[in-house]
Amino acid sequence: MPRGIVALDDKVAYLRERLAREGFEVIGLAEGWKRADAVITSGMNENMTGAQDIKTTAPVISAAGRSPEEVVAAVKARLA
């Protein structure tokens, strides 16, 4: 059973396989941000004040400056 649905920004597609191995269902941001349990962005979607362009009730996790392991840990912590 999947641990949750994670929507990925195209710029962080390199995380797709890692998240899938951890048991998450991984979908593209454009196709599924409305149904995602968590959203991962590259950090490029933030404006000067740090606000996200994406409007969702799911946690939005920035991958900027984080290793893949740190991003996966953040997703697990937010969806625990």
N, C-alpha and C. Protein backbone atom coordinates (compact mmCIF):
# COMPACT_ATOMS: atom_id res chain seq x y z
N MET A 1 0.84 -1.18 0.00
CA MET A 1 0.00 0.00 0.00
C MET A 1 0.89 1.25 0.00
N PRO A 2 0.61 2.21 -0.87
CA PRO A 2 1.42 3.43 -0.92
C PRO A 2 1.35 4.21 0.39
N ARG A 3 2.46 4.88 0.70
CA ARG A 3 2.54 5.69 1.91
C ARG A 3 1.84 7.03 1.73
N GLY A 4 1.57 7.41 0.50
CA GLY A 4 0.95 8.68 0.20
C GLY A 4 1.28 9.09 -1.23
N ILE A 5 0.61 10.12 -1.69
CA ILE A 5 0.82 10.61 -3.05
C ILE A 5 1.68 11.87 -2.98
N VAL A 6 2.78 11.86 -3.75
CA VAL A 6 3.69 13.00 -3.77
C VAL A 6 3.73 13.56 -5.19
N ALA A 7 3.45 14.85 -5.32
CA ALA A 7 3.52 15.52 -6.62
C ALA A 7 4.88 16.22 -6.73
N LEU A 8 5.56 15.99 -7.86
CA LEU A 8 6.89 16.55 -8.08
C LEU A 8 6.89 17.61 -9.15
N ASP A 9 7.57 18.69 -8.89
CA ASP A 9 7.90 19.70 -9.88
C ASP A 9 8.83 19.02 -10.90
N ASP A 10 8.73 19.35 -12.17
CA ASP A 10 9.57 18.73 -13.20
C ASP A 10 11.06 18.88 -12.90
N LYS A 11 11.43 19.95 -12.25
CA LYS A 11 12.85 20.21 -11.97
C LYS A 11 13.42 19.27 -10.90
N VAL A 12 12.58 18.56 -10.19
CA VAL A 12 13.06 17.60 -9.19
C VAL A 12 12.64 16.17 -9.54
N ALA A 13 12.47 15.91 -10.83
CA ALA A 13 12.08 14.58 -11.30
C ALA A 13 13.10 13.52 -10.90
N TYR A 14 14.33 13.94 -10.63
CA TYR A 14 15.37 12.99 -10.21
C TYR A 14 15.01 12.30 -8.88
N LEU A 15 14.04 12.84 -8.16
CA LEU A 15 13.59 12.24 -6.89
C LEU A 15 12.53 11.15 -7.08
N ARG A 16 11.98 11.06 -8.29
CA ARG A 16 10.87 10.14 -8.56
C ARG A 16 11.18 8.70 -8.13
N GLU A 17 12.28 8.17 -8.61
CA GLU A 17 12.61 6.77 -8.32
C GLU A 17 12.86 6.54 -6.83
N ARG A 18 13.55 7.46 -6.21
CA ARG A 18 13.86 7.34 -4.78
C ARG A 18 12.58 7.32 -3.95
N LEU A 19 11.66 8.23 -4.24
CA LEU A 19 10.39 8.27 -3.50
C LEU A 19 9.55 7.02 -3.76
N ALA A 20 9.55 6.53 -4.99
CA ALA A 20 8.81 5.31 -5.32
C ALA A 20 9.37 4.12 -4.55
N ARG A 21 10.70 4.04 -4.44
CA ARG A 21 11.33 2.94 -3.68
C ARG A 21 10.93 3.00 -2.21
N GLU A 22 10.65 4.20 -1.71
CA GLU A 22 10.24 4.37 -0.32
C GLU A 22 8.75 4.10 -0.12
N GLY A 23 8.04 3.79 -1.20
CA GLY A 23 6.64 3.41 -1.08
C GLY A 23 5.63 4.49 -1.40
N PHE A 24 6.09 5.63 -1.90
CA PHE A 24 5.18 6.72 -2.25
C PHE A 24 4.71 6.58 -3.69
N GLU A 25 3.47 6.97 -3.94
CA GLU A 25 2.99 7.09 -5.32
C GLU A 25 3.44 8.47 -5.79
N VAL A 26 4.16 8.51 -6.90
CA VAL A 26 4.74 9.77 -7.37
C VAL A 26 4.05 10.20 -8.66
N ILE A 27 3.58 11.45 -8.68
CA ILE A 27 2.89 11.99 -9.85
C ILE A 27 3.51 13.35 -10.19
N GLY A 28 3.25 13.80 -11.39
CA GLY A 28 3.73 15.11 -11.80
C GLY A 28 2.94 16.21 -11.14
N LEU A 29 3.58 17.33 -10.93
CA LEU A 29 2.94 18.46 -10.28
C LEU A 29 1.77 18.99 -11.09
N ALA A 30 1.95 19.11 -12.40
CA ALA A 30 0.89 19.64 -13.25
C ALA A 30 -0.34 18.76 -13.26
N GLU A 31 -0.14 17.45 -13.19
CA GLU A 31 -1.27 16.53 -13.28
C GLU A 31 -1.96 16.25 -11.95
N GLY A 32 -1.27 16.45 -10.83
CA GLY A 32 -1.88 15.98 -9.61
C GLY A 32 -1.70 16.79 -8.35
N TRP A 33 -1.32 18.05 -8.43
CA TRP A 33 -1.10 18.80 -7.20
C TRP A 33 -2.36 18.92 -6.35
N LYS A 34 -3.53 18.81 -6.99
CA LYS A 34 -4.78 18.93 -6.22
C LYS A 34 -5.08 17.70 -5.38
N ARG A 35 -4.56 16.54 -5.79
CA ARG A 35 -4.84 15.31 -5.03
C ARG A 35 -3.64 14.79 -4.25
N ALA A 36 -2.54 15.52 -4.30
CA ALA A 36 -1.32 15.08 -3.63
C ALA A 36 -1.41 15.25 -2.11
N ASP A 37 -0.73 14.35 -1.41
CA ASP A 37 -0.61 14.45 0.05
C ASP A 37 0.57 15.36 0.42
N ALA A 38 1.52 15.49 -0.51
CA ALA A 38 2.67 16.38 -0.34
C ALA A 38 3.12 16.84 -1.72
N VAL A 39 3.69 18.02 -1.78
CA VAL A 39 4.18 18.60 -3.03
C VAL A 39 5.66 18.95 -2.84
N ILE A 40 6.49 18.55 -3.80
CA ILE A 40 7.91 18.89 -3.74
C ILE A 40 8.23 19.82 -4.90
N THR A 41 8.81 20.97 -4.57
CA THR A 41 9.20 21.94 -5.59
C THR A 41 10.71 22.07 -5.61
N SER A 42 11.20 22.69 -6.66
CA SER A 42 12.64 22.92 -6.78
C SER A 42 13.07 24.12 -5.96
N GLY A 43 12.12 24.88 -5.48
CA GLY A 43 12.43 26.11 -4.77
C GLY A 43 12.34 27.31 -5.70
N MET A 44 12.30 27.07 -6.99
CA MET A 44 12.21 28.15 -7.98
C MET A 44 10.80 28.71 -8.05
N ASN A 45 9.84 28.07 -7.39
CA ASN A 45 8.46 28.52 -7.40
C ASN A 45 8.19 29.54 -6.30
N GLU A 46 9.23 29.93 -5.57
CA GLU A 46 9.06 30.87 -4.47
C GLU A 46 9.35 32.29 -4.93
N ASN A 47 8.60 33.24 -4.41
CA ASN A 47 8.87 34.64 -4.74
C ASN A 47 9.84 35.22 -3.71
N MET A 48 10.09 36.50 -3.78
CA MET A 48 11.08 37.14 -2.91
C MET A 48 10.73 37.03 -1.42
N THR A 49 9.46 36.89 -1.10
CA THR A 49 9.06 36.79 0.30
C THR A 49 9.02 35.35 0.78
N GLY A 50 9.33 34.40 -0.12
CA GLY A 50 9.31 32.99 0.25
C GLY A 50 7.96 32.34 0.07
N ALA A 51 6.97 33.05 -0.44
CA ALA A 51 5.63 32.49 -0.64
C ALA A 51 5.62 31.60 -1.87
N GLN A 52 4.85 30.55 -1.81
CA GLN A 52 4.74 29.61 -2.91
C GLN A 52 3.67 30.06 -3.90
N ASP A 53 3.88 29.76 -5.18
CA ASP A 53 2.88 30.04 -6.20
C ASP A 53 1.77 28.99 -6.20
N ILE A 54 2.04 27.85 -5.61
CA ILE A 54 1.10 26.74 -5.61
C ILE A 54 0.12 26.91 -4.46
N LYS A 55 -1.17 26.77 -4.74
CA LYS A 55 -2.20 26.88 -3.71
C LYS A 55 -2.73 25.48 -3.44
N THR A 56 -2.34 24.92 -2.31
CA THR A 56 -2.74 23.58 -1.94
C THR A 56 -2.77 23.47 -0.42
N THR A 57 -3.55 22.53 0.07
CA THR A 57 -3.58 22.29 1.50
C THR A 57 -2.51 21.27 1.90
N ALA A 58 -1.90 20.61 0.92
CA ALA A 58 -0.84 19.64 1.19
C ALA A 58 0.44 20.38 1.56
N PRO A 59 1.29 19.76 2.37
CA PRO A 59 2.56 20.40 2.68
C PRO A 59 3.40 20.57 1.41
N VAL A 60 4.01 21.74 1.26
CA VAL A 60 4.88 22.02 0.12
C VAL A 60 6.30 22.01 0.64
N ILE A 61 7.11 21.12 0.08
CA ILE A 61 8.49 20.93 0.54
C ILE A 61 9.43 21.40 -0.56
N SER A 62 10.33 22.30 -0.23
CA SER A 62 11.31 22.79 -1.18
C SER A 62 12.52 21.87 -1.16
N ALA A 63 12.99 21.46 -2.33
CA ALA A 63 14.17 20.61 -2.44
C ALA A 63 15.45 21.44 -2.55
N ALA A 64 15.31 22.75 -2.61
CA ALA A 64 16.47 23.64 -2.78
C ALA A 64 17.46 23.45 -1.63
N GLY A 65 18.70 23.16 -1.99
CA GLY A 65 19.76 23.02 -0.99
C GLY A 65 19.70 21.76 -0.16
N ARG A 66 18.83 20.83 -0.52
CA ARG A 66 18.70 19.58 0.24
C ARG A 66 19.16 18.39 -0.59
N SER A 67 19.71 17.41 0.08
CA SER A 67 20.07 16.16 -0.59
C SER A 67 18.79 15.35 -0.80
N PRO A 68 18.83 14.36 -1.71
CA PRO A 68 17.65 13.50 -1.87
C PRO A 68 17.22 12.86 -0.56
N GLU A 69 18.18 12.46 0.26
CA GLU A 69 17.86 11.83 1.55
C GLU A 69 17.11 12.81 2.46
N GLU A 70 17.53 14.08 2.46
CA GLU A 70 16.87 15.08 3.28
C GLU A 70 15.45 15.35 2.80
N VAL A 71 15.25 15.35 1.49
CA VAL A 71 13.91 15.58 0.95
C VAL A 71 12.99 14.42 1.32
N VAL A 72 13.47 13.18 1.15
CA VAL A 72 12.66 12.01 1.51
C VAL A 72 12.34 12.03 3.00
N ALA A 73 13.30 12.38 3.83
CA ALA A 73 13.06 12.46 5.28
C ALA A 73 12.01 13.52 5.59
N ALA A 74 12.05 14.63 4.89
CA ALA A 74 11.06 15.71 5.11
C ALA A 74 9.67 15.24 4.72
N VAL A 75 9.56 14.51 3.61
CA VAL A 75 8.26 13.98 3.18
C VAL A 75 7.73 13.00 4.22
N LYS A 76 8.59 12.08 4.67
CA LYS A 76 8.17 11.10 5.67
C LYS A 76 7.70 11.80 6.95
N ALA A 77 8.43 12.82 7.37
CA ALA A 77 8.07 13.53 8.60
C ALA A 77 6.74 14.25 8.45
N ARG A 78 6.50 14.85 7.31
CA ARG A 78 5.26 15.60 7.09
C ARG A 78 4.05 14.70 6.94
N LEU A 79 4.27 13.47 6.42
CA LEU A 79 3.14 12.57 6.18
C LEU A 79 2.99 11.50 7.26
N ALA A 80 3.80 11.57 8.29
CA ALA A 80 3.74 10.56 9.37
C ALA A 80 2.48 10.72 10.19
